[in-house]
Amino acid sequence: MSRLSRIITEDFDRFISSVGMDERFVVIGQENGSVCAIYHKNGAKVFSAKISDDKITAVCCEEQDEDDNPIFYAADNAGKVFTINRKGKIIAHVQIPARKGKIHTIVNRSKFSIYVYTDTGSTSFTNCTKTYQKGKFSSTSANFSVSRDGTLQKKPGGGGGDFKINQYDCKTPTNAVATWGIEFGKKIKNFTQVLAFGVFDDKYSNLIEEGAADTTLTVCSKDIFRTLEFAAPVKQVMSCRHHEGEAAADKIFILLCDGNIFKVTGMLLEDPSVSNEALDLEPVLASEDEEDAAKGEFHGFCVYGKNICVFGDDGLFAVDGE
């Protein structure tokens, strides 16, 4: 079984708000508006820069950049999106209108192009290393909500339920409070896309703390065809299907609110003819001993290739042995 090891650096510790990765780098957003990047291999610092006076709510590595010119993206709580180079310099930025809501996820679209997901939908941008060129805005991702009994509602604007839900491409990490389920979407290259239904309403944390939150992960493809039962609510899901190069793999990772991490093969999970008992669902990390429990609550995780990082109350950790 894998274990946690602390990633130590003087530039961040307990105030991490978001984490992203690619094959070489970990990029970390912080509550004080700072962003830093380190190398996977040895934890050495790439840069550390304060880019905003507001909390960083999302970060992302550009997956198609050049080795000698890595690019990173970050967004803050005031709706600004930044493009940052390896020296920590802001080389481009754009402001998301306040009426679009808070930014919670940045997803790679293609080279120097991204999707920015907010409370009310998603906006595409191209040419993000120079002058952000705005594409289409879609409210499709924001048409969901969930009731206190775990029932999903689909209505324009996300009305009907007690907590709003946003759907996003979970090849990229996010900062969800919980995850209701996943949907297998359109086929891209060798695999179908995996979309997660994330709960971003902080009030949902009360249900989790009270032990009243749903502890299942619903799996659908237009219609629901599978429900997975866990010992704790699902915090976040990540798909490795559409990562770049050798990092691409048909594996889906599931982080629970109790800190445990599971993985399963996507092809099996999306096949309705495969029973839950026949899935190769297995634990990657079991946070059951006192040492891991002392690390506090985890707020999110990121998977890329063979690298897994989790962050929470007590800092940033690598999952060793995966």
Protein backbone atom coordinates (compact mmCIF):
# COMPACT_ATOMS: atom_id res chain seq x y z
CA MET A 1 0.00 0.00 0.00
CA SER A 2 1.24 3.51 -0.83
CA ARG A 3 2.23 6.02 1.86
CA LEU A 4 2.34 9.81 2.09
CA SER A 5 5.54 11.83 2.18
CA ARG A 6 5.60 15.56 2.78
CA ILE A 7 6.83 17.83 -0.02
CA ILE A 8 8.85 20.43 1.88
CA THR A 9 9.57 23.91 0.57
CA GLU A 10 9.90 27.31 2.20
CA ASP A 11 7.45 28.86 -0.28
CA PHE A 12 4.27 27.15 0.91
CA ASP A 13 3.00 25.02 3.76
CA ARG A 14 -0.50 25.07 5.19
CA PHE A 15 -2.26 27.66 3.01
CA ILE A 16 -2.60 25.76 -0.25
CA SER A 17 -5.82 26.38 -2.17
CA SER A 18 -5.20 24.49 -5.45
CA VAL A 19 -2.69 22.15 -7.10
CA GLY A 20 -1.98 21.12 -10.71
CA MET A 21 0.60 18.88 -12.39
CA ASP A 22 2.13 17.77 -15.65
CA GLU A 23 4.97 15.35 -16.36
CA ARG A 24 7.67 17.64 -14.85
CA PHE A 25 6.06 20.17 -12.57
CA VAL A 26 3.71 20.68 -9.65
CA VAL A 27 2.08 24.13 -9.59
CA ILE A 28 0.59 25.32 -6.31
CA GLY A 29 -1.93 28.10 -5.72
CA GLN A 30 -2.20 29.67 -2.28
CA GLU A 31 -4.76 31.55 -0.24
CA ASN A 32 -2.59 34.69 -0.13
CA GLY A 33 -2.56 35.08 -3.94
CA SER A 34 0.83 33.47 -4.49
CA VAL A 35 1.66 30.78 -7.04
CA CYS A 36 4.75 28.60 -7.00
CA ALA A 37 6.02 25.69 -9.06
CA ILE A 38 8.41 22.88 -8.16
CA TYR A 39 9.97 19.95 -9.99
CA HIS A 40 8.50 16.49 -9.40
CA LYS A 41 11.89 14.86 -9.37
CA ASN A 42 13.46 16.58 -6.38
CA GLY A 43 11.07 19.26 -5.14
CA ALA A 44 13.41 22.05 -6.28
CA LYS A 45 11.76 25.44 -6.79
CA VAL A 46 11.02 26.69 -10.29
CA PHE A 47 9.50 29.98 -9.16
CA SER A 48 7.43 31.59 -6.44
CA ALA A 49 5.48 34.77 -7.15
CA LYS A 50 2.65 36.74 -5.62
CA ILE A 51 0.36 37.47 -8.56
CA SER A 52 -2.79 38.64 -6.79
CA ASP A 53 -4.17 40.02 -3.55
CA ASP A 54 -6.97 37.44 -3.73
CA LYS A 55 -7.07 33.70 -3.08
CA ILE A 56 -5.95 31.50 -5.98
CA THR A 57 -8.91 29.25 -6.82
CA ALA A 58 -7.53 27.20 -9.75
CA VAL A 59 -4.18 26.32 -11.32
CA CYS A 60 -3.18 24.32 -14.36
CA CYS A 61 -0.03 23.35 -16.26
CA GLU A 62 0.08 23.84 -20.02
CA GLU A 63 0.47 20.26 -21.29
CA GLN A 64 1.74 21.11 -24.80
CA ASP A 65 4.45 23.66 -24.06
CA GLU A 66 8.16 23.32 -24.85
CA ASP A 67 10.62 21.86 -22.33
CA ASP A 68 12.62 25.10 -22.24
CA ASN A 69 9.54 27.32 -21.96
CA PRO A 70 6.99 25.83 -19.53
CA ILE A 71 3.72 27.70 -19.11
CA PHE A 72 1.32 27.75 -16.16
CA TYR A 73 -2.19 29.11 -15.63
CA ALA A 74 -3.83 30.42 -12.46
CA ALA A 75 -7.12 32.09 -11.52
CA ASP A 76 -8.06 34.11 -8.46
CA ASN A 77 -11.18 34.72 -6.42
CA ALA A 78 -11.72 38.08 -8.16
CA GLY A 79 -12.18 36.43 -11.57
CA LYS A 80 -8.76 37.08 -13.08
CA VAL A 81 -6.97 34.41 -15.12
CA PHE A 82 -3.19 34.61 -15.47
CA THR A 83 -0.59 33.02 -17.76
CA ILE A 84 2.75 32.63 -15.99
CA ASN A 85 6.18 31.69 -17.36
CA ARG A 86 8.92 29.71 -15.63
CA LYS A 87 10.29 32.85 -13.98
CA GLY A 88 6.96 33.54 -12.31
CA LYS A 89 6.24 36.50 -14.57
CA ILE A 90 2.68 37.21 -15.74
CA ILE A 91 2.83 37.26 -19.53
CA ALA A 92 -0.92 37.53 -20.22
CA HIS A 93 -4.15 37.85 -18.26
CA VAL A 94 -7.89 38.27 -18.67
CA GLN A 95 -10.78 39.30 -16.44
CA ILE A 96 -13.89 37.10 -16.18
CA PRO A 97 -17.02 39.24 -15.60
CA ALA A 98 -18.35 39.04 -12.04
CA ARG A 99 -21.76 37.94 -13.34
CA LYS A 100 -20.16 34.67 -14.53
CA GLY A 101 -19.47 33.67 -10.93
CA LYS A 102 -16.38 32.32 -9.19
CA ILE A 103 -13.73 30.37 -11.11
CA HIS A 104 -13.24 26.81 -9.85
CA THR A 105 -11.43 24.92 -12.67
CA ILE A 106 -9.03 25.55 -15.56
CA VAL A 107 -8.84 22.80 -18.20
CA ASN A 108 -6.36 22.44 -21.07
CA ARG A 109 -8.18 22.65 -24.40
CA SER A 110 -5.26 22.57 -26.87
CA LYS A 111 -1.87 24.28 -27.08
CA PHE A 112 -2.09 27.64 -25.26
CA SER A 113 -5.88 27.29 -25.19
CA ILE A 114 -8.01 26.64 -22.10
CA TYR A 115 -11.52 26.30 -20.75
CA VAL A 116 -12.32 28.35 -17.64
CA TYR A 117 -15.17 26.90 -15.56
CA THR A 118 -17.19 29.17 -13.27
CA ASP A 119 -20.39 28.88 -11.22
CA THR A 120 -22.50 29.73 -14.28
CA GLY A 121 -20.75 27.80 -17.07
CA SER A 122 -17.52 27.63 -19.07
CA THR A 123 -15.67 29.99 -21.41
CA SER A 124 -13.02 29.02 -23.95
CA PHE A 125 -9.90 31.08 -24.59
CA THR A 126 -7.13 30.81 -27.18
CA ASN A 127 -3.76 32.56 -27.65
CA CYS A 128 -3.32 32.55 -23.88
CA THR A 129 0.41 33.39 -23.92
CA LYS A 130 -0.18 36.75 -25.60
CA THR A 131 -3.64 38.28 -25.65
CA TYR A 132 -6.47 36.09 -24.44
CA GLN A 133 -8.98 35.64 -27.26
CA LYS A 134 -12.42 34.84 -25.89
CA GLY A 135 -14.42 32.06 -27.52
CA LYS A 136 -17.86 30.77 -26.69
CA PHE A 137 -19.52 30.78 -23.30
CA SER A 138 -21.69 27.78 -22.45
CA SER A 139 -24.00 27.41 -19.46
CA THR A 140 -24.43 23.64 -20.05
CA SER A 141 -22.04 22.70 -17.24
CA ALA A 142 -24.06 24.67 -14.67
CA ASN A 143 -27.52 23.17 -15.23
CA PHE A 144 -27.39 20.80 -12.26
CA SER A 145 -28.09 20.69 -8.55
CA VAL A 146 -28.40 18.01 -5.90
CA SER A 147 -30.91 17.58 -3.09
CA ARG A 148 -29.98 16.65 0.47
CA ASP A 149 -30.98 13.04 -0.22
CA GLY A 150 -28.47 12.82 -3.12
CA THR A 151 -30.99 13.19 -5.98
CA LEU A 152 -29.61 15.03 -9.01
CA GLN A 153 -31.76 17.74 -10.59
CA LYS A 154 -31.21 19.13 -14.09
CA LYS A 155 -32.72 22.52 -14.83
CA PRO A 156 -31.40 25.65 -16.60
CA GLY A 157 -29.34 27.63 -14.12
CA GLY A 158 -29.01 24.71 -11.73
CA GLY A 159 -32.24 25.23 -9.81
CA GLY A 160 -34.39 22.63 -8.11
CA GLY A 161 -31.99 21.09 -5.63
CA ASP A 162 -30.43 22.25 -2.37
CA PHE A 163 -26.83 22.52 -3.63
CA LYS A 164 -25.64 23.68 -7.02
CA ILE A 165 -23.51 21.28 -9.06
CA ASN A 166 -21.07 22.08 -11.85
CA GLN A 167 -19.93 19.56 -14.43
CA TYR A 168 -16.33 19.73 -15.68
CA ASP A 169 -13.72 17.67 -17.51
CA CYS A 170 -11.95 15.86 -14.68
CA LYS A 171 -8.68 15.32 -16.53
CA THR A 172 -7.78 18.49 -14.61
CA PRO A 173 -7.87 18.87 -10.80
CA THR A 174 -10.30 21.20 -9.07
CA ASN A 175 -11.29 22.25 -5.55
CA ALA A 176 -14.67 20.55 -5.16
CA VAL A 177 -16.27 20.10 -1.75
CA ALA A 178 -17.65 16.76 -2.96
CA THR A 179 -18.45 14.85 -6.16
CA TRP A 180 -21.89 13.42 -6.91
CA GLY A 181 -20.86 11.28 -9.89
CA ILE A 182 -19.25 11.07 -13.32
CA GLU A 183 -20.55 10.90 -16.88
CA PHE A 184 -18.85 9.28 -19.85
CA GLY A 185 -19.20 11.73 -22.73
CA LYS A 186 -18.01 11.97 -26.32
CA LYS A 187 -15.06 9.98 -27.65
CA ILE A 188 -11.80 11.89 -27.95
CA LYS A 189 -8.93 9.95 -29.51
CA ASN A 190 -8.90 6.49 -27.90
CA PHE A 191 -11.26 7.08 -24.98
CA THR A 192 -14.52 8.71 -24.07
CA GLN A 193 -14.31 11.90 -22.04
CA VAL A 194 -14.93 11.72 -18.29
CA LEU A 195 -17.00 14.56 -16.84
CA ALA A 196 -17.41 14.97 -13.09
CA PHE A 197 -20.38 16.48 -11.25
CA GLY A 198 -18.73 18.62 -8.58
CA VAL A 199 -20.35 20.27 -5.57
CA PHE A 200 -18.60 23.61 -4.93
CA ASP A 201 -20.98 25.00 -2.32
CA ASP A 202 -19.12 25.24 1.02
CA LYS A 203 -22.41 24.68 2.86
CA TYR A 204 -22.31 21.07 1.67
CA SER A 205 -19.44 20.57 4.12
CA ASN A 206 -22.01 20.69 6.91
CA LEU A 207 -23.68 17.55 5.55
CA ILE A 208 -20.32 15.81 5.41
CA GLU A 209 -19.42 16.78 8.97
CA GLU A 210 -22.84 15.65 10.21
CA GLY A 211 -22.42 12.26 8.52
CA ALA A 212 -25.51 12.91 6.37
CA ALA A 213 -23.78 13.31 2.99
CA ASP A 214 -24.20 10.64 0.32
CA THR A 215 -21.33 8.12 0.19
CA THR A 216 -21.88 6.86 -3.35
CA LEU A 217 -20.45 7.71 -6.76
CA THR A 218 -23.03 7.63 -9.54
CA VAL A 219 -21.83 6.60 -13.00
CA CYS A 220 -23.81 7.49 -16.10
CA SER A 221 -23.69 7.83 -19.86
CA LYS A 222 -26.85 9.82 -20.62
CA ASP A 223 -28.63 7.45 -18.20
CA ILE A 224 -27.45 6.19 -14.80
CA PHE A 225 -26.18 2.62 -15.02
CA ARG A 226 -23.94 2.16 -11.96
CA THR A 227 -23.62 3.29 -8.34
CA LEU A 228 -20.46 2.66 -6.34
CA GLU A 229 -20.67 2.49 -2.54
CA PHE A 230 -17.85 3.87 -0.39
CA ALA A 231 -17.20 4.29 3.32
CA ALA A 232 -17.10 8.09 3.00
CA PRO A 233 -18.37 10.77 0.58
CA VAL A 234 -16.42 11.18 -2.66
CA LYS A 235 -14.30 14.32 -2.63
CA GLN A 236 -12.87 14.41 -6.14
CA VAL A 237 -12.38 12.28 -9.25
CA MET A 238 -9.55 12.47 -11.80
CA SER A 239 -9.28 10.79 -15.19
CA CYS A 240 -5.90 10.07 -16.79
CA ARG A 241 -7.43 9.16 -20.16
CA HIS A 242 -6.61 12.39 -21.96
CA HIS A 243 -3.30 13.42 -20.47
CA GLU A 244 -0.44 14.03 -22.87
CA GLY A 245 2.08 11.42 -24.09
CA GLU A 246 3.05 8.59 -21.77
CA ALA A 247 0.92 10.05 -18.98
CA ALA A 248 -2.25 8.99 -20.83
CA ALA A 249 -3.74 5.87 -19.23
CA ASP A 250 -7.17 4.30 -18.90
CA LYS A 251 -7.27 4.87 -15.16
CA ILE A 252 -9.74 6.83 -13.06
CA PHE A 253 -8.77 7.88 -9.53
CA ILE A 254 -11.22 8.61 -6.71
CA LEU A 255 -10.41 10.60 -3.56
CA LEU A 256 -12.75 10.16 -0.60
CA CYS A 257 -13.37 12.76 2.08
CA ASP A 258 -11.63 10.49 4.62
CA GLY A 259 -8.37 10.66 2.62
CA ASN A 260 -8.53 7.24 1.00
CA ILE A 261 -7.75 7.03 -2.74
CA PHE A 262 -9.00 4.33 -5.14
CA LYS A 263 -8.34 3.62 -8.78
CA VAL A 264 -10.25 1.69 -11.44
CA THR A 265 -9.90 0.95 -15.14
CA GLY A 266 -12.15 3.25 -17.14
CA MET A 267 -13.06 0.69 -19.79
CA LEU A 268 -14.51 -1.60 -17.12
CA LEU A 269 -16.23 1.20 -15.24
CA GLU A 270 -18.07 2.50 -18.32
CA ASP A 271 -19.24 -0.94 -19.48
CA PRO A 272 -22.76 -1.54 -18.10
CA SER A 273 -22.35 -5.29 -18.62
CA VAL A 274 -19.50 -5.39 -16.06
CA SER A 275 -20.84 -5.78 -12.52
CA ASN A 276 -19.47 -3.75 -9.62
CA GLU A 277 -17.98 -6.95 -8.20
CA ALA A 278 -16.04 -7.54 -11.43
CA LEU A 279 -14.42 -4.08 -11.43
CA ASP A 280 -10.71 -3.84 -10.63
CA LEU A 281 -11.41 -1.10 -8.10
CA GLU A 282 -8.54 -1.07 -5.64
CA PRO A 283 -7.12 1.22 -2.94
CA VAL A 284 -4.08 3.33 -3.74
CA LEU A 285 -3.88 5.05 -0.38
CA ALA A 286 -5.54 4.02 2.88
CA SER A 287 -5.31 6.82 5.48
CA GLU A 288 -6.23 4.67 8.43
CA ASP A 289 -3.15 4.79 10.62
CA GLU A 290 -2.43 7.48 13.20
CA GLU A 291 0.43 8.99 11.22
CA ASP A 292 -1.70 9.69 8.15
CA ALA A 293 -4.68 10.80 10.25
CA ALA A 294 -2.45 13.42 11.87
CA LYS A 295 -1.99 15.06 8.48
CA GLY A 296 -5.48 16.52 8.75
CA GLU A 297 -8.24 16.90 6.21
CA PHE A 298 -7.39 16.70 2.52
CA HIS A 299 -8.88 19.37 0.26
CA GLY A 300 -7.99 17.86 -3.11
CA PHE A 301 -5.57 15.81 -5.15
CA CYS A 302 -3.92 15.65 -8.56
CA VAL A 303 -2.79 12.70 -10.68
CA TYR A 304 -0.51 12.82 -13.71
CA GLY A 305 1.30 9.76 -15.03
CA LYS A 306 2.77 7.92 -12.04
CA ASN A 307 2.68 11.00 -9.83
CA ILE A 308 -0.03 11.68 -7.24
CA CYS A 309 -0.15 14.68 -4.90
CA VAL A 310 -2.70 15.49 -2.20
CA PHE A 311 -3.04 18.75 -0.29
CA GLY A 312 -4.87 19.76 2.84
CA ASP A 313 -4.69 21.25 6.30
CA ASP A 314 -1.10 20.17 6.86
CA GLY A 315 0.46 20.96 3.49
CA LEU A 316 1.32 19.12 0.28
CA PHE A 317 2.14 15.40 0.11
CA ALA A 318 3.28 12.95 -2.54
CA VAL A 319 1.78 9.49 -2.63
CA ASP A 320 4.76 7.11 -2.67
CA GLY A 321 4.70 3.61 -4.08
CA GLU A 322 2.04 4.06 -6.78
